[in-house]
Amino acid sequence: MKHQLFIPLLFIFAVSCGPFPLQVMQEVTGDIPYNEVVKAPDACRGSIVLWGGVIVETIARSNNTLIIVRETQLDFRKRPLNTDKSAGRFIIRQQGFLDPAIYSRGREVTVVGMLDGKEERPVGELLYSYPVMEARSLKLWEPWTDSPYYYDPWYRDPFPYPWPASPRHLRR
């Protein structure tokens, strides 16, 4: 009886740990890479994709908010993985107001959204063509923090156990 309850509970736990609701993740049409969308933004219009990256700028407007994001790869949790490598930038259009003080430069974000063509905006003196997506679900990640605790890998537990406490005591 215990095993019959364990498997469904394990499944519910595994499904509930994602950053997005299951219904939103089922809408994602596939893994459309950023590079393909840049080459043919009108051909990919209407596709629902999952992208993420680092916020460059947030622009609050009267009826929506634009978030300009530097695209990066995502890890298994859908969090931006390597923030030093990027294929380019894209714009998230979110209905309503998002506070630019919270959605600030350098924060990591992941979004599920529908591609909606492209928009040209200046980056310095260059006119840059951004893919635009209408956000369905948006996840702003907490900033990374260092642990205040130091773990010594060679720490020897003071309690006497009948087995070795660290790998240096292993015998061959």
C-alpha atoms as a PDB file:
ATOM      1  CA  MET A   1       0.000   0.000   0.000  1.00  0.00           C
ATOM      2  CA  LYS A   2       2.860   2.382   0.797  1.00  0.00           C
ATOM      3  CA  HIS A   3       4.421   1.827  -2.624  1.00  0.00           C
ATOM      4  CA  GLN A   4       1.118   2.538  -4.378  1.00  0.00           C
ATOM      5  CA  LEU A   5       0.971   5.970  -2.756  1.00  0.00           C
ATOM      6  CA  PHE A   6       4.648   6.732  -3.215  1.00  0.00           C
ATOM      7  CA  ILE A   7       4.711   6.662  -7.024  1.00  0.00           C
ATOM      8  CA  PRO A   8       1.779   9.092  -7.583  1.00  0.00           C
ATOM      9  CA  LEU A   9       3.138  11.437  -4.904  1.00  0.00           C
ATOM     10  CA  LEU A  10       6.570  11.347  -6.524  1.00  0.00           C
ATOM     11  CA  PHE A  11       4.996  12.175  -9.900  1.00  0.00           C
ATOM     12  CA  ILE A  12       3.000  15.086  -8.439  1.00  0.00           C
ATOM     13  CA  PHE A  13       6.117  16.410  -6.717  1.00  0.00           C
ATOM     14  CA  ALA A  14       8.185  16.191  -9.911  1.00  0.00           C
ATOM     15  CA  VAL A  15       5.543  17.933 -12.033  1.00  0.00           C
ATOM     16  CA  SER A  16       4.902  20.678  -9.495  1.00  0.00           C
ATOM     17  CA  CYS A  17       8.549  21.762  -9.300  1.00  0.00           C
ATOM     18  CA  GLY A  18       8.670  23.581 -12.639  1.00  0.00           C
ATOM     19  CA  PRO A  19       8.765  27.370 -12.940  1.00  0.00           C
ATOM     20  CA  PHE A  20       5.699  27.398 -15.222  1.00  0.00           C
ATOM     21  CA  PRO A  21       2.242  25.822 -14.968  1.00  0.00           C
ATOM     22  CA  LEU A  22       1.762  22.555 -16.858  1.00  0.00           C
ATOM     23  CA  GLN A  23      -0.880  24.080 -19.162  1.00  0.00           C
ATOM     24  CA  VAL A  24       1.569  26.781 -20.276  1.00  0.00           C
ATOM     25  CA  MET A  25       4.355  24.263 -20.919  1.00  0.00           C
ATOM     26  CA  GLN A  26       2.016  22.134 -23.055  1.00  0.00           C
ATOM     27  CA  GLU A  27       1.407  25.149 -25.315  1.00  0.00           C
ATOM     28  CA  VAL A  28       5.104  25.412 -26.240  1.00  0.00           C
ATOM     29  CA  THR A  29       5.260  24.406 -29.918  1.00  0.00           C
ATOM     30  CA  GLY A  30       8.772  23.062 -29.802  1.00  0.00           C
ATOM     31  CA  ASP A  31      12.339  24.098 -29.397  1.00  0.00           C
ATOM     32  CA  ILE A  32      12.655  26.899 -31.956  1.00  0.00           C
ATOM     33  CA  PRO A  33      16.184  28.282 -31.595  1.00  0.00           C
ATOM     34  CA  TYR A  34      16.739  32.005 -31.377  1.00  0.00           C
ATOM     35  CA  ASN A  35      18.947  31.968 -34.503  1.00  0.00           C
ATOM     36  CA  GLU A  36      16.111  30.584 -36.679  1.00  0.00           C
ATOM     37  CA  VAL A  37      13.713  33.271 -35.495  1.00  0.00           C
ATOM     38  CA  VAL A  38      16.234  36.023 -36.263  1.00  0.00           C
ATOM     39  CA  LYS A  39      16.648  34.715 -39.832  1.00  0.00           C
ATOM     40  CA  ALA A  40      12.889  34.448 -40.524  1.00  0.00           C
ATOM     41  CA  PRO A  41      10.818  36.256 -37.867  1.00  0.00           C
ATOM     42  CA  ASP A  42       7.632  36.356 -39.960  1.00  0.00           C
ATOM     43  CA  ALA A  43       7.771  32.607 -40.686  1.00  0.00           C
ATOM     44  CA  CYS A  44       7.830  31.863 -36.941  1.00  0.00           C
ATOM     45  CA  ARG A  45       5.049  34.337 -36.063  1.00  0.00           C
ATOM     46  CA  GLY A  46       2.439  32.724 -33.811  1.00  0.00           C
ATOM     47  CA  SER A  47       4.789  30.029 -32.482  1.00  0.00           C
ATOM     48  CA  ILE A  48       4.945  29.667 -28.719  1.00  0.00           C
ATOM     49  CA  VAL A  49       8.512  29.378 -27.445  1.00  0.00           C
ATOM     50  CA  LEU A  50      10.407  29.169 -24.167  1.00  0.00           C
ATOM     51  CA  TRP A  51      13.378  31.531 -23.974  1.00  0.00           C
ATOM     52  CA  GLY A  52      15.385  33.148 -21.231  1.00  0.00           C
ATOM     53  CA  GLY A  53      18.211  35.489 -20.530  1.00  0.00           C
ATOM     54  CA  VAL A  54      19.397  38.559 -18.693  1.00  0.00           C
ATOM     55  CA  ILE A  55      17.412  41.801 -18.610  1.00  0.00           C
ATOM     56  CA  VAL A  56      19.083  44.702 -20.417  1.00  0.00           C
ATOM     57  CA  GLU A  57      16.341  47.311 -20.064  1.00  0.00           C
ATOM     58  CA  THR A  58      12.717  47.619 -18.912  1.00  0.00           C
ATOM     59  CA  ILE A  59      10.429  50.212 -20.473  1.00  0.00           C
ATOM     60  CA  ALA A  60       7.064  50.877 -18.803  1.00  0.00           C
ATOM     61  CA  ARG A  61       4.445  52.231 -21.210  1.00  0.00           C
ATOM     62  CA  SER A  62       0.820  53.254 -20.750  1.00  0.00           C
ATOM     63  CA  ASN A  63      -0.743  49.872 -21.593  1.00  0.00           C
ATOM     64  CA  ASN A  64       2.156  47.406 -21.453  1.00  0.00           C
ATOM     65  CA  THR A  65       5.768  46.897 -20.427  1.00  0.00           C
ATOM     66  CA  LEU A  66       8.661  46.078 -22.741  1.00  0.00           C
ATOM     67  CA  ILE A  67      11.565  44.048 -21.384  1.00  0.00           C
ATOM     68  CA  ILE A  68      14.672  43.894 -23.556  1.00  0.00           C
ATOM     69  CA  VAL A  69      16.511  40.649 -22.807  1.00  0.00           C
ATOM     70  CA  ARG A  70      19.940  39.330 -23.801  1.00  0.00           C
ATOM     71  CA  GLU A  71      19.238  35.710 -24.767  1.00  0.00           C
ATOM     72  CA  THR A  72      21.155  32.843 -23.104  1.00  0.00           C
ATOM     73  CA  GLN A  73      20.865  29.074 -22.928  1.00  0.00           C
ATOM     74  CA  LEU A  74      18.630  27.531 -20.258  1.00  0.00           C
ATOM     75  CA  ASP A  75      19.500  24.764 -17.807  1.00  0.00           C
ATOM     76  CA  PHE A  76      17.291  21.820 -16.816  1.00  0.00           C
ATOM     77  CA  ARG A  77      15.243  24.077 -14.506  1.00  0.00           C
ATOM     78  CA  LYS A  78      14.720  26.562 -17.357  1.00  0.00           C
ATOM     79  CA  ARG A  79      16.948  29.107 -15.647  1.00  0.00           C
ATOM     80  CA  PRO A  80      19.476  31.072 -17.735  1.00  0.00           C
ATOM     81  CA  LEU A  81      22.651  29.011 -17.692  1.00  0.00           C
ATOM     82  CA  ASN A  82      25.667  30.828 -19.089  1.00  0.00           C
ATOM     83  CA  THR A  83      25.104  34.553 -18.893  1.00  0.00           C
ATOM     84  CA  ASP A  84      28.401  35.361 -20.659  1.00  0.00           C
ATOM     85  CA  LYS A  85      27.330  33.819 -23.997  1.00  0.00           C
ATOM     86  CA  SER A  86      24.454  35.146 -26.055  1.00  0.00           C
ATOM     87  CA  ALA A  87      23.050  34.754 -29.557  1.00  0.00           C
ATOM     88  CA  GLY A  88      21.408  38.186 -29.429  1.00  0.00           C
ATOM     89  CA  ARG A  89      18.549  40.122 -27.880  1.00  0.00           C
ATOM     90  CA  PHE A  90      14.772  39.901 -27.900  1.00  0.00           C
ATOM     91  CA  ILE A  91      11.835  41.916 -26.552  1.00  0.00           C
ATOM     92  CA  ILE A  92       9.175  40.625 -24.166  1.00  0.00           C
ATOM     93  CA  ARG A  93       5.889  42.516 -24.360  1.00  0.00           C
ATOM     94  CA  GLN A  94       3.909  42.034 -21.122  1.00  0.00           C
ATOM     95  CA  GLN A  95       0.408  43.479 -20.751  1.00  0.00           C
ATOM     96  CA  GLY A  96       0.051  45.719 -17.720  1.00  0.00           C
ATOM     97  CA  PHE A  97       2.678  47.366 -15.572  1.00  0.00           C
ATOM     98  CA  LEU A  98       5.881  45.704 -14.391  1.00  0.00           C
ATOM     99  CA  ASP A  99       8.030  47.813 -12.094  1.00  0.00           C
ATOM    100  CA  PRO A 100      11.385  48.647 -13.739  1.00  0.00           C
ATOM    101  CA  ALA A 101      12.965  48.760 -10.267  1.00  0.00           C
ATOM    102  CA  ILE A 102      12.138  45.060  -9.811  1.00  0.00           C
ATOM    103  CA  TYR A 103      12.661  43.965 -13.425  1.00  0.00           C
ATOM    104  CA  SER A 104      16.016  45.729 -13.455  1.00  0.00           C
ATOM    105  CA  ARG A 105      19.181  45.384 -15.504  1.00  0.00           C
ATOM    106  CA  GLY A 106      21.124  42.188 -14.786  1.00  0.00           C
ATOM    107  CA  ARG A 107      18.217  40.113 -13.409  1.00  0.00           C
ATOM    108  CA  GLU A 108      17.586  36.706 -14.970  1.00  0.00           C
ATOM    109  CA  VAL A 109      14.225  35.997 -16.575  1.00  0.00           C
ATOM    110  CA  THR A 110      12.560  33.081 -18.372  1.00  0.00           C
ATOM    111  CA  VAL A 111       9.453  33.531 -20.496  1.00  0.00           C
ATOM    112  CA  VAL A 112       6.919  31.463 -22.405  1.00  0.00           C
ATOM    113  CA  GLY A 113       5.463  33.624 -25.131  1.00  0.00           C
ATOM    114  CA  MET A 114       4.041  33.866 -28.625  1.00  0.00           C
ATOM    115  CA  LEU A 115       6.350  35.255 -31.300  1.00  0.00           C
ATOM    116  CA  ASP A 116       4.962  38.434 -32.832  1.00  0.00           C
ATOM    117  CA  GLY A 117       7.356  39.539 -35.569  1.00  0.00           C
ATOM    118  CA  LYS A 118      10.231  41.943 -35.093  1.00  0.00           C
ATOM    119  CA  GLU A 119      10.897  45.508 -33.993  1.00  0.00           C
ATOM    120  CA  GLU A 120      13.858  47.707 -34.819  1.00  0.00           C
ATOM    121  CA  ARG A 121      15.439  49.822 -32.074  1.00  0.00           C
ATOM    122  CA  PRO A 122      18.803  51.527 -31.773  1.00  0.00           C
ATOM    123  CA  VAL A 123      21.644  49.965 -29.796  1.00  0.00           C
ATOM    124  CA  GLY A 124      24.199  52.737 -29.647  1.00  0.00           C
ATOM    125  CA  GLU A 125      24.576  53.811 -33.277  1.00  0.00           C
ATOM    126  CA  LEU A 126      23.404  50.465 -34.683  1.00  0.00           C
ATOM    127  CA  LEU A 127      19.782  49.808 -35.681  1.00  0.00           C
ATOM    128  CA  TYR A 128      19.105  46.360 -34.162  1.00  0.00           C
ATOM    129  CA  SER A 129      16.246  44.048 -35.209  1.00  0.00           C
ATOM    130  CA  TYR A 130      14.677  42.434 -32.125  1.00  0.00           C
ATOM    131  CA  PRO A 131      12.351  39.422 -32.247  1.00  0.00           C
ATOM    132  CA  VAL A 132       9.241  40.356 -30.221  1.00  0.00           C
ATOM    133  CA  MET A 133       7.209  37.962 -28.100  1.00  0.00           C
ATOM    134  CA  GLU A 134       3.913  38.462 -26.324  1.00  0.00           C
ATOM    135  CA  ALA A 135       4.405  36.980 -22.832  1.00  0.00           C
ATOM    136  CA  ARG A 136       2.117  34.172 -21.683  1.00  0.00           C
ATOM    137  CA  SER A 137       4.046  33.400 -18.502  1.00  0.00           C
ATOM    138  CA  LEU A 138       7.055  35.159 -17.033  1.00  0.00           C
ATOM    139  CA  LYS A 139       9.491  33.974 -14.349  1.00  0.00           C
ATOM    140  CA  LEU A 140      11.863  36.442 -12.693  1.00  0.00           C
ATOM    141  CA  TRP A 141      14.598  34.489 -10.926  1.00  0.00           C
ATOM    142  CA  GLU A 142      16.004  35.376  -7.522  1.00  0.00           C
ATOM    143  CA  PRO A 143      19.588  36.680  -7.652  1.00  0.00           C
ATOM    144  CA  TRP A 144      22.339  34.188  -6.876  1.00  0.00           C
ATOM    145  CA  THR A 145      23.684  34.436  -3.334  1.00  0.00           C
ATOM    146  CA  ASP A 146      26.757  32.843  -1.837  1.00  0.00           C
ATOM    147  CA  SER A 147      26.237  30.492   1.068  1.00  0.00           C
ATOM    148  CA  PRO A 148      27.293  32.035   4.379  1.00  0.00           C
ATOM    149  CA  TYR A 149      28.486  28.608   5.540  1.00  0.00           C
ATOM    150  CA  TYR A 150      31.812  27.048   4.664  1.00  0.00           C
ATOM    151  CA  TYR A 151      31.886  23.302   4.179  1.00  0.00           C
ATOM    152  CA  ASP A 152      35.268  21.734   4.824  1.00  0.00           C
ATOM    153  CA  PRO A 153      35.466  18.580   2.686  1.00  0.00           C
ATOM    154  CA  TRP A 154      38.030  17.015   5.046  1.00  0.00           C
ATOM    155  CA  TYR A 155      36.067  17.653   8.218  1.00  0.00           C
ATOM    156  CA  ARG A 156      36.256  14.705  10.608  1.00  0.00           C
ATOM    157  CA  ASP A 157      33.108  14.086  12.599  1.00  0.00           C
ATOM    158  CA  PRO A 158      33.935  14.007  16.339  1.00  0.00           C
ATOM    159  CA  PHE A 159      31.624  11.054  17.021  1.00  0.00           C
ATOM    160  CA  PRO A 160      33.177   7.581  16.908  1.00  0.00           C
ATOM    161  CA  TYR A 161      31.551   5.625  14.094  1.00  0.00           C
ATOM    162  CA  PRO A 162      32.616   2.120  13.071  1.00  0.00           C
ATOM    163  CA  TRP A 163      33.335   3.287   9.505  1.00  0.00           C
ATOM    164  CA  PRO A 164      35.750   5.847   8.072  1.00  0.00           C
ATOM    165  CA  ALA A 165      34.455   9.392   8.000  1.00  0.00           C
ATOM    166  CA  SER A 166      36.344  10.695   4.978  1.00  0.00           C
ATOM    167  CA  PRO A 167      37.765   9.309   1.707  1.00  0.00           C
ATOM    168  CA  ARG A 168      41.375   9.626   2.865  1.00  0.00           C
ATOM    169  CA  HIS A 169      40.783   6.723   5.281  1.00  0.00           C
ATOM    170  CA  LEU A 170      39.664   4.315   2.588  1.00  0.00           C
ATOM    171  CA  ARG A 171      41.868   1.254   2.229  1.00  0.00           C
ATOM    172  CA  ARG A 172      42.524  -0.669  -0.921  1.00  0.00           C
END
